Amino acid sequence: MLLSFTAKIYVLVMHLWTRTISLKRKNRNLCGAYEYMFLFSDREPP
């Protein structure tokens, strides 16, 4: 339970971080790829 919660927080932080980097580089394709990867990994069982 705690591990799953920590994993979600980590995914959220990484998601926001990669989005910020992507927006700075104006690379929407990379941003979309990271969003899809994180959303897909979040749906997988822990």
PDB file of N, CA and C in Angstrom:
ATOM      1  N   MET A   1       0.845  -1.201   0.000  1.00  0.00           N
ATOM      2  CA  MET A   1       0.000   0.000   0.000  1.00  0.00           C
ATOM      3  C   MET A   1       0.880   1.250   0.000  1.00  0.00           C
ATOM      4  N   LEU A   2       1.821   1.287   0.959  1.00  0.00           N
ATOM      5  CA  LEU A   2       2.712   2.448   1.053  1.00  0.00           C
ATOM      6  C   LEU A   2       3.619   2.512  -0.168  1.00  0.00           C
ATOM      7  N   LEU A   3       4.077   1.349  -0.623  1.00  0.00           N
ATOM      8  CA  LEU A   3       4.962   1.315  -1.795  1.00  0.00           C
ATOM      9  C   LEU A   3       4.221   1.812  -3.030  1.00  0.00           C
ATOM     10  N   SER A   4       2.967   1.416  -3.157  1.00  0.00           N
ATOM     11  CA  SER A   4       2.162   1.844  -4.304  1.00  0.00           C
ATOM     12  C   SER A   4       1.948   3.355  -4.260  1.00  0.00           C
ATOM     13  N   PHE A   5       1.702   3.892  -3.077  1.00  0.00           N
ATOM     14  CA  PHE A   5       1.494   5.335  -2.921  1.00  0.00           C
ATOM     15  C   PHE A   5       2.762   6.106  -3.279  1.00  0.00           C
ATOM     16  N   THR A   6       3.910   5.602  -2.811  1.00  0.00           N
ATOM     17  CA  THR A   6       5.196   6.238  -3.109  1.00  0.00           C
ATOM     18  C   THR A   6       5.476   6.198  -4.601  1.00  0.00           C
ATOM     19  N   ALA A   7       5.127   5.081  -5.237  1.00  0.00           N
ATOM     20  CA  ALA A   7       5.347   4.941  -6.676  1.00  0.00           C
ATOM     21  C   ALA A   7       4.506   5.955  -7.440  1.00  0.00           C
ATOM     22  N   LYS A   8       3.274   6.167  -7.014  1.00  0.00           N
ATOM     23  CA  LYS A   8       2.400   7.131  -7.694  1.00  0.00           C
ATOM     24  C   LYS A   8       2.946   8.549  -7.551  1.00  0.00           C
ATOM     25  N   ILE A   9       3.455   8.883  -6.375  1.00  0.00           N
ATOM     26  CA  ILE A   9       4.039  10.206  -6.157  1.00  0.00           C
ATOM     27  C   ILE A   9       5.259  10.388  -7.052  1.00  0.00           C
ATOM     28  N   TYR A  10       6.085   9.330  -7.134  1.00  0.00           N
ATOM     29  CA  TYR A  10       7.286   9.387  -7.972  1.00  0.00           C
ATOM     30  C   TYR A  10       6.914   9.582  -9.439  1.00  0.00           C
ATOM     31  N   VAL A  11       5.892   8.840  -9.887  1.00  0.00           N
ATOM     32  CA  VAL A  11       5.437   8.952 -11.277  1.00  0.00           C
ATOM     33  C   VAL A  11       4.910  10.359 -11.539  1.00  0.00           C
ATOM     34  N   LEU A  12       4.163  10.901 -10.587  1.00  0.00           N
ATOM     35  CA  LEU A  12       3.605  12.243 -10.753  1.00  0.00           C
ATOM     36  C   LEU A  12       4.714  13.283 -10.860  1.00  0.00           C
ATOM     37  N   VAL A  13       5.714  13.185  -9.990  1.00  0.00           N
ATOM     38  CA  VAL A  13       6.834  14.133 -10.006  1.00  0.00           C
ATOM     39  C   VAL A  13       7.600  14.035 -11.323  1.00  0.00           C
ATOM     40  N   MET A  14       7.886  12.803 -11.745  1.00  0.00           N
ATOM     41  CA  MET A  14       8.608  12.607 -12.994  1.00  0.00           C
ATOM     42  C   MET A  14       7.786  13.120 -14.170  1.00  0.00           C
ATOM     43  N   HIS A  15       6.472  12.904 -14.106  1.00  0.00           N
ATOM     44  CA  HIS A  15       5.579  13.361 -15.169  1.00  0.00           C
ATOM     45  C   HIS A  15       5.643  14.885 -15.299  1.00  0.00           C
ATOM     46  N   LEU A  16       5.532  15.582 -14.184  1.00  0.00           N
ATOM     47  CA  LEU A  16       5.570  17.042 -14.201  1.00  0.00           C
ATOM     48  C   LEU A  16       6.947  17.542 -14.622  1.00  0.00           C
ATOM     49  N   TRP A  17       8.004  16.848 -14.163  1.00  0.00           N
ATOM     50  CA  TRP A  17       9.371  17.253 -14.506  1.00  0.00           C
ATOM     51  C   TRP A  17       9.623  17.109 -15.997  1.00  0.00           C
ATOM     52  N   THR A  18       9.230  15.968 -16.565  1.00  0.00           N
ATOM     53  CA  THR A  18       9.448  15.747 -17.993  1.00  0.00           C
ATOM     54  C   THR A  18       8.599  16.703 -18.819  1.00  0.00           C
ATOM     55  N   ARG A  19       7.410  17.023 -18.329  1.00  0.00           N
ATOM     56  CA  ARG A  19       6.544  17.972 -19.042  1.00  0.00           C
ATOM     57  C   ARG A  19       7.193  19.350 -19.068  1.00  0.00           C
ATOM     58  N   THR A  20       7.775  19.757 -17.943  1.00  0.00           N
ATOM     59  CA  THR A  20       8.439  21.062 -17.868  1.00  0.00           C
ATOM     60  C   THR A  20       9.629  21.109 -18.813  1.00  0.00           C
ATOM     61  N   ILE A  21      10.436  20.053 -18.817  1.00  0.00           N
ATOM     62  CA  ILE A  21      11.597  19.996 -19.708  1.00  0.00           C
ATOM     63  C   ILE A  21      11.135  20.027 -21.159  1.00  0.00           C
ATOM     64  N   SER A  22      10.088  19.282 -21.457  1.00  0.00           N
ATOM     65  CA  SER A  22       9.597  19.213 -22.836  1.00  0.00           C
ATOM     66  C   SER A  22       9.061  20.562 -23.292  1.00  0.00           C
ATOM     67  N   LEU A  23       8.368  21.257 -22.405  1.00  0.00           N
ATOM     68  CA  LEU A  23       7.823  22.558 -22.774  1.00  0.00           C
ATOM     69  C   LEU A  23       8.945  23.574 -22.995  1.00  0.00           C
ATOM     70  N   LYS A  24      10.012  23.445 -22.200  1.00  0.00           N
ATOM     71  CA  LYS A  24      11.143  24.356 -22.376  1.00  0.00           C
ATOM     72  C   LYS A  24      11.817  24.094 -23.716  1.00  0.00           C
ATOM     73  N   ARG A  25      11.874  22.822 -24.105  1.00  0.00           N
ATOM     74  CA  ARG A  25      12.507  22.472 -25.375  1.00  0.00           C
ATOM     75  C   ARG A  25      11.511  22.532 -26.530  1.00  0.00           C
ATOM     76  N   LYS A  26      10.238  22.762 -26.187  1.00  0.00           N
ATOM     77  CA  LYS A  26       9.173  22.817 -27.190  1.00  0.00           C
ATOM     78  C   LYS A  26       9.137  21.531 -28.023  1.00  0.00           C
ATOM     79  N   ASN A  27       9.218  20.412 -27.330  1.00  0.00           N
ATOM     80  CA  ASN A  27       9.182  19.130 -28.012  1.00  0.00           C
ATOM     81  C   ASN A  27       7.920  18.398 -27.560  1.00  0.00           C
ATOM     82  N   ARG A  28       6.830  18.627 -28.276  1.00  0.00           N
ATOM     83  CA  ARG A  28       5.548  18.056 -27.857  1.00  0.00           C
ATOM     84  C   ARG A  28       5.493  16.548 -28.065  1.00  0.00           C
ATOM     85  N   ASN A  29       6.218  16.046 -29.049  1.00  0.00           N
ATOM     86  CA  ASN A  29       6.194  14.605 -29.309  1.00  0.00           C
ATOM     87  C   ASN A  29       6.813  13.843 -28.144  1.00  0.00           C
ATOM     88  N   LEU A  30       7.920  14.362 -27.627  1.00  0.00           N
ATOM     89  CA  LEU A  30       8.574  13.724 -26.490  1.00  0.00           C
ATOM     90  C   LEU A  30       7.674  13.791 -25.262  1.00  0.00           C
ATOM     91  N   CYS A  31       7.018  14.939 -25.073  1.00  0.00           N
ATOM     92  CA  CYS A  31       6.118  15.126 -23.941  1.00  0.00           C
ATOM     93  C   CYS A  31       4.973  14.119 -24.022  1.00  0.00           C
ATOM     94  N   GLY A  32       4.399  13.968 -25.215  1.00  0.00           N
ATOM     95  CA  GLY A  32       3.297  13.040 -25.399  1.00  0.00           C
ATOM     96  C   GLY A  32       3.733  11.600 -25.138  1.00  0.00           C
ATOM     97  N   ALA A  33       4.946  11.278 -25.552  1.00  0.00           N
ATOM     98  CA  ALA A  33       5.450   9.918 -25.354  1.00  0.00           C
ATOM     99  C   ALA A  33       5.616   9.622 -23.867  1.00  0.00           C
ATOM    100  N   TYR A  34       6.144  10.601 -23.125  1.00  0.00           N
ATOM    101  CA  TYR A  34       6.318  10.405 -21.686  1.00  0.00           C
ATOM    102  C   TYR A  34       4.964  10.324 -20.984  1.00  0.00           C
ATOM    103  N   GLU A  35       4.014  11.154 -21.432  1.00  0.00           N
ATOM    104  CA  GLU A  35       2.680  11.119 -20.824  1.00  0.00           C
ATOM    105  C   GLU A  35       2.050   9.745 -21.018  1.00  0.00           C
ATOM    106  N   TYR A  36       2.151   9.208 -22.233  1.00  0.00           N
ATOM    107  CA  TYR A  36       1.560   7.905 -22.519  1.00  0.00           C
ATOM    108  C   TYR A  36       2.246   6.817 -21.702  1.00  0.00           C
ATOM    109  N   MET A  37       3.560   6.901 -21.613  1.00  0.00           N
ATOM    110  CA  MET A  37       4.314   5.880 -20.882  1.00  0.00           C
ATOM    111  C   MET A  37       3.931   5.889 -19.396  1.00  0.00           C
ATOM    112  N   PHE A  38       3.848   7.098 -18.813  1.00  0.00           N
ATOM    113  CA  PHE A  38       3.525   7.185 -17.393  1.00  0.00           C
ATOM    114  C   PHE A  38       2.078   6.786 -17.110  1.00  0.00           C
ATOM    115  N   LEU A  39       1.170   7.158 -18.008  1.00  0.00           N
ATOM    116  CA  LEU A  39      -0.225   6.778 -17.815  1.00  0.00           C
ATOM    117  C   LEU A  39      -0.376   5.270 -17.936  1.00  0.00           C
ATOM    118  N   PHE A  40       0.363   4.683 -18.879  1.00  0.00           N
ATOM    119  CA  PHE A  40       0.281   3.238 -19.081  1.00  0.00           C
ATOM    120  C   PHE A  40       0.889   2.498 -17.894  1.00  0.00           C
ATOM    121  N   SER A  41       2.022   3.003 -17.389  1.00  0.00           N
ATOM    122  CA  SER A  41       2.683   2.348 -16.261  1.00  0.00           C
ATOM    123  C   SER A  41       1.857   2.505 -14.989  1.00  0.00           C
ATOM    124  N   ASP A  42       1.085   3.600 -14.897  1.00  0.00           N
ATOM    125  CA  ASP A  42       0.273   3.834 -13.714  1.00  0.00           C
ATOM    126  C   ASP A  42      -0.907   2.857 -13.672  1.00  0.00           C
ATOM    127  N   ARG A  43      -1.335   2.380 -14.853  1.00  0.00           N
ATOM    128  CA  ARG A  43      -2.467   1.462 -14.905  1.00  0.00           C
ATOM    129  C   ARG A  43      -2.042   0.019 -14.632  1.00  0.00           C
ATOM    130  N   GLU A  44      -0.746  -0.231 -14.713  1.00  0.00           N
ATOM    131  CA  GLU A  44      -0.266  -1.591 -14.449  1.00  0.00           C
ATOM    132  C   GLU A  44      -0.315  -1.876 -12.953  1.00  0.00           C
ATOM    133  N   PRO A  45      -0.634  -3.108 -12.582  1.00  0.00           N
ATOM    134  CA  PRO A  45      -0.670  -3.464 -11.154  1.00  0.00           C
ATOM    135  C   PRO A  45       0.721  -3.406 -10.541  1.00  0.00           C
ATOM    136  N   PRO A  46       0.817  -2.990  -9.304  1.00  0.00           N
ATOM    137  CA  PRO A  46       2.124  -2.857  -8.630  1.00  0.00           C
ATOM    138  C   PRO A  46       2.780  -4.210  -8.377  1.00  0.00           C
TER     139      PRO A  46
END
